[in-house]
N, C-alpha and C. Protein backbone atom coordinates (compact mmCIF):
# COMPACT_ATOMS: atom_id res chain seq x y z
N MET A 1 0.84 -1.20 0.00
CA MET A 1 0.00 0.00 0.00
C MET A 1 0.87 1.24 0.00
N LYS A 2 0.34 2.27 -0.60
CA LYS A 2 1.04 3.55 -0.60
C LYS A 2 0.93 4.22 0.77
N LEU A 3 1.92 5.02 1.07
CA LEU A 3 1.92 5.75 2.33
C LEU A 3 0.72 6.69 2.41
N SER A 4 0.38 7.34 1.29
CA SER A 4 -0.75 8.27 1.31
C SER A 4 -2.06 7.55 1.60
N SER A 5 -2.23 6.32 1.10
CA SER A 5 -3.44 5.55 1.38
C SER A 5 -3.51 5.17 2.86
N ILE A 6 -2.38 4.79 3.43
CA ILE A 6 -2.34 4.45 4.84
C ILE A 6 -2.66 5.68 5.70
N LEU A 7 -2.09 6.82 5.33
CA LEU A 7 -2.36 8.05 6.07
C LEU A 7 -3.83 8.45 5.97
N ASN A 8 -4.40 8.34 4.77
CA ASN A 8 -5.83 8.66 4.60
C ASN A 8 -6.70 7.76 5.46
N PHE A 9 -6.37 6.46 5.49
CA PHE A 9 -7.14 5.54 6.31
C PHE A 9 -7.01 5.89 7.79
N CYS A 10 -5.80 6.20 8.24
CA CYS A 10 -5.59 6.56 9.66
C CYS A 10 -6.33 7.85 10.01
N ILE A 11 -6.32 8.80 9.10
CA ILE A 11 -7.06 10.06 9.34
C ILE A 11 -8.55 9.77 9.48
N LEU A 12 -9.09 8.91 8.62
CA LEU A 12 -10.50 8.55 8.70
C LEU A 12 -10.81 7.84 10.00
N VAL A 13 -9.93 6.95 10.44
CA VAL A 13 -10.15 6.22 11.70
C VAL A 13 -10.15 7.18 12.88
N PHE A 14 -9.16 8.08 12.94
CA PHE A 14 -9.11 9.02 14.07
C PHE A 14 -10.22 10.05 14.01
N PHE A 15 -10.67 10.41 12.81
CA PHE A 15 -11.83 11.29 12.67
C PHE A 15 -13.07 10.60 13.25
N THR A 16 -13.22 9.31 12.93
CA THR A 16 -14.34 8.52 13.47
C THR A 16 -14.24 8.42 14.99
N LEU A 17 -13.04 8.17 15.51
CA LEU A 17 -12.85 8.10 16.96
C LEU A 17 -13.21 9.43 17.63
N LEU A 18 -12.89 10.53 16.97
CA LEU A 18 -13.23 11.84 17.51
C LEU A 18 -14.74 12.01 17.60
N PHE A 19 -15.45 11.59 16.56
CA PHE A 19 -16.91 11.65 16.56
C PHE A 19 -17.49 10.77 17.67
N VAL A 20 -17.00 9.53 17.76
CA VAL A 20 -17.50 8.59 18.77
C VAL A 20 -17.22 9.14 20.17
N ASN A 21 -16.04 9.71 20.35
CA ASN A 21 -15.67 10.29 21.63
C ASN A 21 -16.58 11.46 21.98
N ASP A 22 -17.00 12.23 20.98
CA ASP A 22 -17.88 13.37 21.23
C ASP A 22 -19.29 12.89 21.60
N PHE A 23 -19.78 11.86 20.94
CA PHE A 23 -21.14 11.40 21.19
C PHE A 23 -21.24 10.50 22.42
N PHE A 24 -20.17 9.79 22.75
CA PHE A 24 -20.18 8.89 23.91
C PHE A 24 -18.96 9.19 24.80
N PRO A 25 -19.01 10.28 25.57
CA PRO A 25 -17.85 10.69 26.36
C PRO A 25 -17.61 9.85 27.61
N ALA A 26 -18.56 9.00 27.99
CA ALA A 26 -18.41 8.22 29.22
C ALA A 26 -17.89 6.81 28.97
N THR A 27 -17.36 6.55 27.80
CA THR A 27 -16.85 5.21 27.48
C THR A 27 -15.38 5.09 27.86
N THR A 28 -14.88 3.86 27.85
CA THR A 28 -13.47 3.65 28.14
C THR A 28 -12.60 4.24 27.04
N LEU A 29 -13.12 4.26 25.82
CA LEU A 29 -12.39 4.88 24.72
C LEU A 29 -12.10 6.35 25.03
N ALA A 30 -13.09 7.03 25.56
CA ALA A 30 -12.92 8.45 25.89
C ALA A 30 -11.94 8.64 27.04
N GLU A 31 -11.86 7.66 27.93
CA GLU A 31 -10.91 7.77 29.03
C GLU A 31 -9.48 7.53 28.55
N VAL A 32 -9.33 6.60 27.60
CA VAL A 32 -7.99 6.28 27.10
C VAL A 32 -7.51 7.35 26.12
N LEU A 33 -8.37 7.69 25.16
CA LEU A 33 -8.02 8.70 24.15
C LEU A 33 -8.94 9.91 24.30
N SER A 34 -8.45 10.96 24.88
CA SER A 34 -9.26 12.16 25.03
C SER A 34 -9.35 12.88 23.68
N LYS A 35 -10.28 13.82 23.60
CA LYS A 35 -10.45 14.58 22.36
C LYS A 35 -9.17 15.32 21.99
N LYS A 36 -8.47 15.83 22.99
CA LYS A 36 -7.24 16.57 22.71
C LYS A 36 -6.17 15.66 22.09
N ILE A 37 -6.04 14.46 22.62
CA ILE A 37 -5.05 13.53 22.08
C ILE A 37 -5.40 13.16 20.64
N ILE A 38 -6.69 12.89 20.39
CA ILE A 38 -7.12 12.54 19.04
C ILE A 38 -6.87 13.70 18.08
N LEU A 39 -7.17 14.92 18.52
CA LEU A 39 -6.92 16.09 17.66
C LEU A 39 -5.45 16.27 17.35
N VAL A 40 -4.59 16.06 18.34
CA VAL A 40 -3.15 16.17 18.12
C VAL A 40 -2.68 15.11 17.11
N ILE A 41 -3.19 13.88 17.28
CA ILE A 41 -2.83 12.81 16.34
C ILE A 41 -3.30 13.16 14.93
N LEU A 42 -4.54 13.68 14.81
CA LEU A 42 -5.06 14.08 13.50
C LEU A 42 -4.21 15.17 12.86
N ILE A 43 -3.83 16.15 13.64
CA ILE A 43 -3.01 17.25 13.12
C ILE A 43 -1.66 16.72 12.65
N VAL A 44 -1.06 15.84 13.45
CA VAL A 44 0.23 15.26 13.06
C VAL A 44 0.09 14.45 11.77
N LEU A 45 -0.97 13.65 11.66
CA LEU A 45 -1.18 12.86 10.45
C LEU A 45 -1.37 13.74 9.22
N VAL A 46 -2.12 14.82 9.37
CA VAL A 46 -2.32 15.73 8.24
C VAL A 46 -1.01 16.41 7.86
N ILE A 47 -0.22 16.80 8.84
CA ILE A 47 1.08 17.43 8.55
C ILE A 47 1.99 16.44 7.83
N ILE A 48 2.00 15.18 8.30
CA ILE A 48 2.81 14.16 7.63
C ILE A 48 2.33 13.97 6.19
N GLN A 49 1.04 13.94 6.01
CA GLN A 49 0.49 13.76 4.67
C GLN A 49 0.87 14.92 3.75
N ILE A 50 0.82 16.12 4.27
CA ILE A 50 1.18 17.30 3.46
C ILE A 50 2.66 17.29 3.13
N THR A 51 3.50 16.95 4.09
CA THR A 51 4.94 16.97 3.84
C THR A 51 5.39 15.84 2.92
N THR A 52 4.71 14.70 2.97
CA THR A 52 5.09 13.60 2.09
C THR A 52 4.56 13.79 0.67
N ALA A 53 3.63 14.71 0.48
CA ALA A 53 3.11 14.98 -0.86
C ALA A 53 4.14 15.72 -1.70
N LYS A 54 5.15 16.27 -1.07
CA LYS A 54 6.27 16.95 -1.74
C LYS A 54 5.81 18.06 -2.69
N GLY A 55 4.89 18.86 -2.19
CA GLY A 55 4.48 20.03 -2.96
C GLY A 55 3.48 19.75 -4.06
N THR A 56 3.09 18.52 -4.25
CA THR A 56 2.09 18.24 -5.28
C THR A 56 0.72 18.31 -4.66
N TYR A 57 -0.18 18.93 -5.38
CA TYR A 57 -1.55 19.08 -4.90
C TYR A 57 -2.43 18.12 -5.68
N LYS A 58 -3.08 17.24 -4.95
CA LYS A 58 -3.96 16.29 -5.60
C LYS A 58 -5.37 16.52 -5.07
N ARG A 59 -6.25 16.90 -5.98
CA ARG A 59 -7.64 17.12 -5.58
C ARG A 59 -8.30 15.80 -5.24
N LEU A 60 -9.23 15.87 -4.33
CA LEU A 60 -10.02 14.71 -3.97
C LEU A 60 -10.94 14.39 -5.13
N SER A 61 -11.01 13.14 -5.53
CA SER A 61 -11.89 12.77 -6.64
C SER A 61 -13.34 13.01 -6.22
N LYS A 62 -14.19 13.13 -7.20
CA LYS A 62 -15.59 13.39 -6.92
C LYS A 62 -16.22 12.25 -6.13
N LYS A 63 -15.87 11.02 -6.48
CA LYS A 63 -16.41 9.87 -5.75
C LYS A 63 -15.93 9.87 -4.31
N ALA A 64 -14.68 10.19 -4.09
CA ALA A 64 -14.13 10.24 -2.73
C ALA A 64 -14.78 11.37 -1.94
N TYR A 65 -15.01 12.52 -2.58
CA TYR A 65 -15.65 13.66 -1.92
C TYR A 65 -17.06 13.29 -1.49
N VAL A 66 -17.81 12.67 -2.39
CA VAL A 66 -19.17 12.25 -2.06
C VAL A 66 -19.14 11.20 -0.95
N GLY A 67 -18.20 10.27 -1.04
CA GLY A 67 -18.08 9.23 -0.02
C GLY A 67 -17.78 9.78 1.35
N VAL A 68 -16.84 10.69 1.42
CA VAL A 68 -16.47 11.29 2.72
C VAL A 68 -17.63 12.10 3.28
N THR A 69 -18.33 12.83 2.43
CA THR A 69 -19.47 13.63 2.88
C THR A 69 -20.58 12.74 3.42
N LEU A 70 -20.93 11.71 2.65
CA LEU A 70 -21.99 10.81 3.10
C LEU A 70 -21.57 10.02 4.34
N TYR A 71 -20.30 9.66 4.43
CA TYR A 71 -19.79 8.96 5.61
C TYR A 71 -19.93 9.83 6.86
N THR A 72 -19.57 11.09 6.74
CA THR A 72 -19.63 12.00 7.89
C THR A 72 -21.07 12.20 8.36
N VAL A 73 -21.97 12.48 7.43
CA VAL A 73 -23.38 12.68 7.80
C VAL A 73 -23.97 11.36 8.32
N GLY A 74 -23.63 10.25 7.68
CA GLY A 74 -24.13 8.96 8.12
C GLY A 74 -23.64 8.61 9.52
N LEU A 75 -22.38 8.89 9.79
CA LEU A 75 -21.82 8.65 11.12
C LEU A 75 -22.54 9.48 12.17
N TRP A 76 -22.80 10.72 11.83
CA TRP A 76 -23.52 11.63 12.70
C TRP A 76 -24.91 11.07 13.02
N ILE A 77 -25.61 10.59 12.00
CA ILE A 77 -26.96 10.05 12.18
C ILE A 77 -26.92 8.76 12.98
N VAL A 78 -26.02 7.85 12.64
CA VAL A 78 -25.94 6.56 13.33
C VAL A 78 -25.60 6.75 14.81
N LEU A 79 -24.65 7.60 15.10
CA LEU A 79 -24.28 7.82 16.50
C LEU A 79 -25.43 8.45 17.28
N SER A 80 -26.20 9.31 16.63
CA SER A 80 -27.38 9.89 17.29
C SER A 80 -28.44 8.83 17.53
N LEU A 81 -28.66 7.95 16.53
CA LEU A 81 -29.66 6.90 16.68
C LEU A 81 -29.26 5.87 17.73
N LEU A 82 -27.97 5.69 17.94
CA LEU A 82 -27.49 4.76 18.96
C LEU A 82 -27.63 5.32 20.37
N GLY A 83 -28.12 6.54 20.47
CA GLY A 83 -28.36 7.13 21.78
C GLY A 83 -27.28 8.08 22.24
N GLY A 84 -26.32 8.34 21.37
CA GLY A 84 -25.26 9.28 21.74
C GLY A 84 -25.76 10.71 21.71
N GLU A 85 -25.18 11.50 22.55
CA GLU A 85 -25.53 12.92 22.59
C GLU A 85 -24.24 13.72 22.46
N SER A 86 -24.18 14.52 21.42
CA SER A 86 -22.97 15.27 21.13
C SER A 86 -22.71 16.33 22.19
N GLN A 87 -21.46 16.40 22.62
CA GLN A 87 -21.06 17.44 23.56
C GLN A 87 -20.88 18.77 22.85
N PHE A 88 -20.70 18.69 21.55
CA PHE A 88 -20.50 19.88 20.73
C PHE A 88 -21.83 20.52 20.33
N GLY A 89 -22.93 19.79 20.47
CA GLY A 89 -24.24 20.32 20.16
C GLY A 89 -24.80 19.83 18.84
N LEU A 90 -24.22 18.79 18.26
CA LEU A 90 -24.72 18.23 17.01
C LEU A 90 -25.86 17.27 17.32
N SER A 91 -27.08 17.63 16.94
CA SER A 91 -28.21 16.74 17.18
C SER A 91 -29.30 17.00 16.15
N PHE A 92 -30.26 16.07 16.09
CA PHE A 92 -31.37 16.23 15.15
C PHE A 92 -32.25 17.42 15.53
N ASN A 93 -32.26 17.79 16.78
CA ASN A 93 -33.09 18.90 17.24
C ASN A 93 -32.47 20.25 16.93
N SER A 94 -31.21 20.25 16.61
CA SER A 94 -30.49 21.49 16.35
C SER A 94 -30.74 21.97 14.93
N PRO A 95 -31.05 23.24 14.75
CA PRO A 95 -31.22 23.76 13.39
C PRO A 95 -29.90 23.72 12.60
N ILE A 96 -28.79 23.69 13.30
CA ILE A 96 -27.48 23.62 12.64
C ILE A 96 -27.39 22.32 11.83
N PHE A 97 -27.92 21.22 12.38
CA PHE A 97 -27.91 19.94 11.68
C PHE A 97 -28.59 20.06 10.32
N TYR A 98 -29.78 20.65 10.30
CA TYR A 98 -30.54 20.76 9.06
C TYR A 98 -29.90 21.74 8.08
N ILE A 99 -29.31 22.79 8.60
CA ILE A 99 -28.60 23.75 7.73
C ILE A 99 -27.41 23.06 7.07
N ILE A 100 -26.65 22.30 7.85
CA ILE A 100 -25.49 21.60 7.30
C ILE A 100 -25.92 20.55 6.28
N VAL A 101 -26.98 19.80 6.57
CA VAL A 101 -27.45 18.78 5.63
C VAL A 101 -27.91 19.41 4.33
N VAL A 102 -28.63 20.53 4.40
CA VAL A 102 -29.09 21.22 3.18
C VAL A 102 -27.90 21.75 2.40
N LEU A 103 -26.93 22.35 3.07
CA LEU A 103 -25.74 22.86 2.38
C LEU A 103 -24.95 21.72 1.73
N LEU A 104 -24.82 20.61 2.43
CA LEU A 104 -24.12 19.46 1.85
C LEU A 104 -24.88 18.90 0.65
N ALA A 105 -26.20 18.89 0.72
CA ALA A 105 -27.00 18.41 -0.42
C ALA A 105 -26.78 19.31 -1.63
N PHE A 106 -26.78 20.62 -1.43
CA PHE A 106 -26.52 21.55 -2.53
C PHE A 106 -25.11 21.36 -3.09
N ASP A 107 -24.16 21.13 -2.21
CA ASP A 107 -22.79 20.94 -2.66
C ASP A 107 -22.65 19.63 -3.45
N LEU A 108 -23.30 18.58 -2.98
CA LEU A 108 -23.26 17.31 -3.72
C LEU A 108 -23.97 17.45 -5.07
N LEU A 109 -25.03 18.23 -5.11
CA LEU A 109 -25.71 18.49 -6.38
C LEU A 109 -24.79 19.25 -7.34
N ARG A 110 -24.04 20.20 -6.79
CA ARG A 110 -23.08 20.95 -7.60
C ARG A 110 -22.01 20.02 -8.17
N VAL A 111 -21.51 19.12 -7.35
CA VAL A 111 -20.49 18.17 -7.81
C VAL A 111 -21.07 17.25 -8.88
N TYR A 112 -22.31 16.81 -8.70
CA TYR A 112 -22.96 15.94 -9.68
C TYR A 112 -23.12 16.67 -11.02
N ARG A 113 -23.60 17.91 -10.96
CA ARG A 113 -23.78 18.68 -12.20
C ARG A 113 -22.44 18.94 -12.88
N GLN A 114 -21.43 19.21 -12.09
CA GLN A 114 -20.10 19.46 -12.64
C GLN A 114 -19.57 18.22 -13.35
N SER A 115 -19.78 17.06 -12.77
CA SER A 115 -19.32 15.82 -13.41
C SER A 115 -20.11 15.53 -14.67
N LYS A 116 -21.40 15.84 -14.68
CA LYS A 116 -22.21 15.66 -15.89
C LYS A 116 -21.75 16.59 -17.00
N ASN A 117 -21.43 17.84 -16.65
CA ASN A 117 -20.92 18.79 -17.65
C ASN A 117 -19.60 18.31 -18.24
N GLU A 118 -18.73 17.78 -17.39
CA GLU A 118 -17.44 17.27 -17.87
C GLU A 118 -17.64 16.07 -18.80
N GLU A 119 -18.60 15.20 -18.47
CA GLU A 119 -18.88 14.06 -19.35
C GLU A 119 -19.42 14.53 -20.70
N THR A 120 -20.28 15.53 -20.69
CA THR A 120 -20.84 16.08 -21.93
C THR A 120 -19.77 16.69 -22.78
N GLU A 121 -18.84 17.42 -22.16
CA GLU A 121 -17.74 18.03 -22.89
C GLU A 121 -16.82 16.98 -23.51
N LYS A 122 -16.59 15.87 -22.79
CA LYS A 122 -15.75 14.80 -23.32
C LYS A 122 -16.41 14.13 -24.51
N LYS A 123 -17.71 13.93 -24.45
CA LYS A 123 -18.44 13.31 -25.56
C LYS A 123 -18.47 14.22 -26.79
N ALA A 124 -18.50 15.53 -26.56
CA ALA A 124 -18.56 16.48 -27.66
C ALA A 124 -17.23 16.53 -28.42
N GLN A 125 -16.17 16.18 -27.77
CA GLN A 125 -14.86 16.26 -28.42
C GLN A 125 -14.62 15.08 -29.24
C-alpha cells in the first residue's frame, strides 16, 4: 500500500474516533483517548500527509468527496440513533444539523452537475 493511502485511512479512523468520543464521552475509549489527544494525532497525520506529498496538490476525486461527505453525515446520524448525545451540540433537534445537511446536499448536487458537464464536454470532443 502507498503511504498516502495508509495516512488517509488513519485520518479517517481518528476522525471517526473523535466523533465517537464526542457522542459517547463516558466510554473507556474516551478515558484512554481524550479529544485533545485525538486532535493532536489528526493534526500530526495531516502534517505528515502534506509533507510527504512533496508540494504536489492532488484534488479529492468526486467519488471520494461524495463518499467522505456521506460517511460523515451517516456517522452523525448513526451515533445519534445509537443514543449518543454530542457534547458539541450536534443533534437532530439542532437547526445547525438541518442547515449543514441542506448545504451538503446543494454541494453534492453541484459536484454531480459538474461531473455531468465534464462528461458532456468529453463526448462532444
